[in-house]
């Protein structure tokens, strides 16, 4: 079964506009504050996804929906591709040296990467089911998928860019046949939260973080 789709906004162009506006902040001070907020969160996400235990310096890395300040900026890698449909917009304020302006659903490179990162993005794409397959196909056998997302984001944090409600169970349904779960944090089991939105009396939405390794085709 696919993800539940929210009803706040079914116009994907409007979703992209809302996401773009959240980064293209004309006020330098406010834009810098957002950049700092994301970078410090990324340092935590690297630990949450166990990426600080991976030797990534010889890895070819793909980041999906990385935005103008990708998490992979804080990793050492052999090569990197960042796929984000708003890449050209982001270049108004950000360098985006490894970015491709493309919907993740249209990415076609297969078994070219050792690590695929998708954080706070899988519920922003047009078709999460399609992008899950893109992640699986892009990885070489033995490669890793690092996926983090807020649970039920369209409900817990209503926003024009949030229309899909995903869960760790949905990820397992998409990946478990060909991937082993190396590491997992969930709200139900570990109280895992992400961000600043208030939920049940404290800040941080329910979220999940999974590191999975592709076993299919692995000798």
Foldseek 3Di string as FASTA:
>chain_A
DFFDWADLALDLVLLVVQVLVVQPDPPPVVNVVVLVVVQVVLVVLCVQQVVVVDQAQDWEEEEEQQPLPRSCVPPHHPHYAYEDLCQVSSVVPHVPPRYDNDQLLPDDAFQPTQEYEYEQPLQQGNGSLSNLVSRLGNHHAFGKYKYKHFAQCCPQPPDNSGTTGDAVVNSCVNPVVFKDWPDKDWCVPHVDFDDARDDPHHGGGTMMITMIGGNVPPD
